[in-house]
Amino acid sequence: MELKEKLSSEVLETNWKPLAEHFARGVVYYLEPELDLVEVGESMATDSVSQIKRWLDDGLIYTPTPQQATQFHEDQDIKFDMLIIEPYVLIQQKGLS
C-alpha cells in the first residue's frame, strides 16, 4: 500500500474533545481549508522540511490559539478531519472549503 493510500485510510472525523489533551501538549496543527490533509501528512511523514516550512511561513499550518481552542471546546458541533503523524496531530475543520 502506498503511503498516501495508508494515510487516507487513517483520517478520522472528530470534535474538539479528544483533541484537547493533544493541544495541551502542543502537538496539534490546524490546516487551512485550501490544503489537502493527506498531502500535508505525507510531507510530514517523509520529512519534507522545505514544504512544511513554506506552509508554516504562509500561515496555512499553525497551532490553534487558546481562543480557538476555547471556541472549539464550547461548540462540540464543530467537526474536524484528523490525521496522526506521530508525534503530531493534524486537524482540518470540516465544511469550510
C-alpha atoms as a PDB file:
ATOM      1  CA  MET A   1       0.000   0.000   0.000  1.00  0.00           C
ATOM      2  CA  GLU A   2       1.321   3.442  -0.925  1.00  0.00           C
ATOM      3  CA  LEU A   3       1.911   5.961   1.853  1.00  0.00           C
ATOM      4  CA  LYS A   4      -0.804   8.274   0.522  1.00  0.00           C
ATOM      5  CA  GLU A   5      -3.359   5.429   0.497  1.00  0.00           C
ATOM      6  CA  LYS A   6      -2.325   4.375   4.005  1.00  0.00           C
ATOM      7  CA  LEU A   7      -2.678   7.927   5.330  1.00  0.00           C
ATOM      8  CA  SER A   8      -6.049   8.389   3.584  1.00  0.00           C
ATOM      9  CA  SER A   9      -7.347   5.317   5.380  1.00  0.00           C
ATOM     10  CA  GLU A  10      -6.207   6.756   8.729  1.00  0.00           C
ATOM     11  CA  VAL A  11      -8.145  10.034   8.511  1.00  0.00           C
ATOM     12  CA  LEU A  12     -10.782  10.187  11.238  1.00  0.00           C
ATOM     13  CA  GLU A  13     -13.612  12.591  11.974  1.00  0.00           C
ATOM     14  CA  THR A  14     -13.777  14.063  15.465  1.00  0.00           C
ATOM     15  CA  ASN A  15     -14.873  17.029  17.522  1.00  0.00           C
ATOM     16  CA  TRP A  16     -12.516  19.002  19.788  1.00  0.00           C
ATOM     17  CA  LYS A  17     -12.949  16.937  22.958  1.00  0.00           C
ATOM     18  CA  PRO A  18     -10.414  14.164  22.167  1.00  0.00           C
ATOM     19  CA  LEU A  19      -8.029  16.758  20.698  1.00  0.00           C
ATOM     20  CA  ALA A  20      -7.822  18.882  23.865  1.00  0.00           C
ATOM     21  CA  GLU A  21      -5.141  16.778  25.558  1.00  0.00           C
ATOM     22  CA  HIS A  22      -3.009  16.854  22.400  1.00  0.00           C
ATOM     23  CA  PHE A  23      -3.496  20.634  22.189  1.00  0.00           C
ATOM     24  CA  ALA A  24      -2.311  20.954  25.805  1.00  0.00           C
ATOM     25  CA  ARG A  25       0.880  19.101  24.799  1.00  0.00           C
ATOM     26  CA  GLY A  26       1.418  21.497  21.873  1.00  0.00           C
ATOM     27  CA  VAL A  27       1.252  18.860  19.134  1.00  0.00           C
ATOM     28  CA  VAL A  28      -1.947  19.883  17.299  1.00  0.00           C
ATOM     29  CA  TYR A  29      -1.564  21.657  13.964  1.00  0.00           C
ATOM     30  CA  TYR A  30      -4.536  23.317  12.282  1.00  0.00           C
ATOM     31  CA  LEU A  31      -4.606  23.262   8.468  1.00  0.00           C
ATOM     32  CA  GLU A  32      -6.352  25.922   6.438  1.00  0.00           C
ATOM     33  CA  PRO A  33      -9.040  24.566   4.068  1.00  0.00           C
ATOM     34  CA  GLU A  34      -7.029  25.076   0.884  1.00  0.00           C
ATOM     35  CA  LEU A  35      -4.537  22.422   1.968  1.00  0.00           C
ATOM     36  CA  ASP A  36      -5.024  18.700   1.451  1.00  0.00           C
ATOM     37  CA  LEU A  37      -4.804  16.935   4.824  1.00  0.00           C
ATOM     38  CA  VAL A  38      -3.325  13.741   3.379  1.00  0.00           C
ATOM     39  CA  GLU A  39      -0.771  15.666   1.293  1.00  0.00           C
ATOM     40  CA  VAL A  40       0.399  17.571   4.373  1.00  0.00           C
ATOM     41  CA  GLY A  41       0.529  14.331   6.354  1.00  0.00           C
ATOM     42  CA  GLU A  42       2.600  12.733   3.609  1.00  0.00           C
ATOM     43  CA  SER A  43       5.016  15.691   3.643  1.00  0.00           C
ATOM     44  CA  MET A  44       5.396  15.390   7.402  1.00  0.00           C
ATOM     45  CA  ALA A  45       5.831  11.612   7.286  1.00  0.00           C
ATOM     46  CA  THR A  46       8.580  11.952   4.686  1.00  0.00           C
ATOM     47  CA  ASP A  47      10.278  14.906   6.430  1.00  0.00           C
ATOM     48  CA  SER A  48       9.729  17.331   3.565  1.00  0.00           C
ATOM     49  CA  VAL A  49      11.032  20.190   5.703  1.00  0.00           C
ATOM     50  CA  SER A  50      11.113  22.863   2.991  1.00  0.00           C
ATOM     51  CA  GLN A  51       7.464  22.300   2.030  1.00  0.00           C
ATOM     52  CA  ILE A  52       6.287  22.224   5.649  1.00  0.00           C
ATOM     53  CA  LYS A  53       8.268  25.383   6.426  1.00  0.00           C
ATOM     54  CA  ARG A  54       6.634  27.129   3.442  1.00  0.00           C
ATOM     55  CA  TRP A  55       3.144  26.239   4.713  1.00  0.00           C
ATOM     56  CA  LEU A  56       4.063  27.378   8.235  1.00  0.00           C
ATOM     57  CA  ASP A  57       5.565  30.637   6.928  1.00  0.00           C
ATOM     58  CA  ASP A  58       2.460  31.247   4.783  1.00  0.00           C
ATOM     59  CA  GLY A  59       0.185  30.711   7.805  1.00  0.00           C
ATOM     60  CA  LEU A  60      -1.516  27.698   6.219  1.00  0.00           C
ATOM     61  CA  ILE A  61      -0.490  25.410   9.090  1.00  0.00           C
ATOM     62  CA  TYR A  62      -0.358  26.644  12.676  1.00  0.00           C
ATOM     63  CA  THR A  63      -1.039  25.674  16.243  1.00  0.00           C
ATOM     64  CA  PRO A  64      -4.538  26.756  17.262  1.00  0.00           C
ATOM     65  CA  THR A  65      -4.695  29.766  19.560  1.00  0.00           C
ATOM     66  CA  PRO A  66      -6.125  29.420  23.081  1.00  0.00           C
ATOM     67  CA  GLN A  67      -9.132  31.440  21.842  1.00  0.00           C
ATOM     68  CA  GLN A  68      -9.725  28.962  19.020  1.00  0.00           C
ATOM     69  CA  ALA A  69      -9.373  26.045  21.431  1.00  0.00           C
ATOM     70  CA  THR A  70     -11.992  27.612  23.702  1.00  0.00           C
ATOM     71  CA  GLN A  71     -14.348  28.143  20.760  1.00  0.00           C
ATOM     72  CA  PHE A  72     -13.843  24.567  19.546  1.00  0.00           C
ATOM     73  CA  HIS A  73     -14.412  23.251  23.077  1.00  0.00           C
ATOM     74  CA  GLU A  74     -17.611  25.261  23.542  1.00  0.00           C
ATOM     75  CA  ASP A  75     -19.097  24.276  20.168  1.00  0.00           C
ATOM     76  CA  GLN A  76     -18.931  20.486  20.009  1.00  0.00           C
ATOM     77  CA  ASP A  77     -20.791  20.632  16.666  1.00  0.00           C
ATOM     78  CA  ILE A  78     -17.567  21.789  15.004  1.00  0.00           C
ATOM     79  CA  LYS A  79     -16.093  18.715  13.344  1.00  0.00           C
ATOM     80  CA  PHE A  80     -12.572  18.065  12.157  1.00  0.00           C
ATOM     81  CA  ASP A  81     -10.794  15.614   9.960  1.00  0.00           C
ATOM     82  CA  MET A  82      -7.819  14.387  11.956  1.00  0.00           C
ATOM     83  CA  LEU A  83      -4.635  12.610  10.925  1.00  0.00           C
ATOM     84  CA  ILE A  84      -1.949  11.497  13.359  1.00  0.00           C
ATOM     85  CA  ILE A  85       1.632  11.739  12.140  1.00  0.00           C
ATOM     86  CA  GLU A  86       3.441  10.980  15.370  1.00  0.00           C
ATOM     87  CA  PRO A  87       4.092  12.933  17.435  1.00  0.00           C
ATOM     88  CA  TYR A  88       1.806  15.449  15.705  1.00  0.00           C
ATOM     89  CA  VAL A  89      -1.954  15.588  15.238  1.00  0.00           C
ATOM     90  CA  LEU A  90      -3.082  17.376  12.070  1.00  0.00           C
ATOM     91  CA  ILE A  91      -6.614  18.744  12.023  1.00  0.00           C
ATOM     92  CA  GLN A  92      -8.742  20.437   9.424  1.00  0.00           C
ATOM     93  CA  GLN A  93     -12.167  21.867  10.154  1.00  0.00           C
ATOM     94  CA  LYS A  94     -14.905  20.238   8.081  1.00  0.00           C
ATOM     95  CA  GLY A  95     -17.276  22.269   5.968  1.00  0.00           C
ATOM     96  CA  LEU A  96     -15.005  25.273   5.327  1.00  0.00           C
ATOM     97  CA  SER A  97     -13.733  24.551   1.806  1.00  0.00           C
END
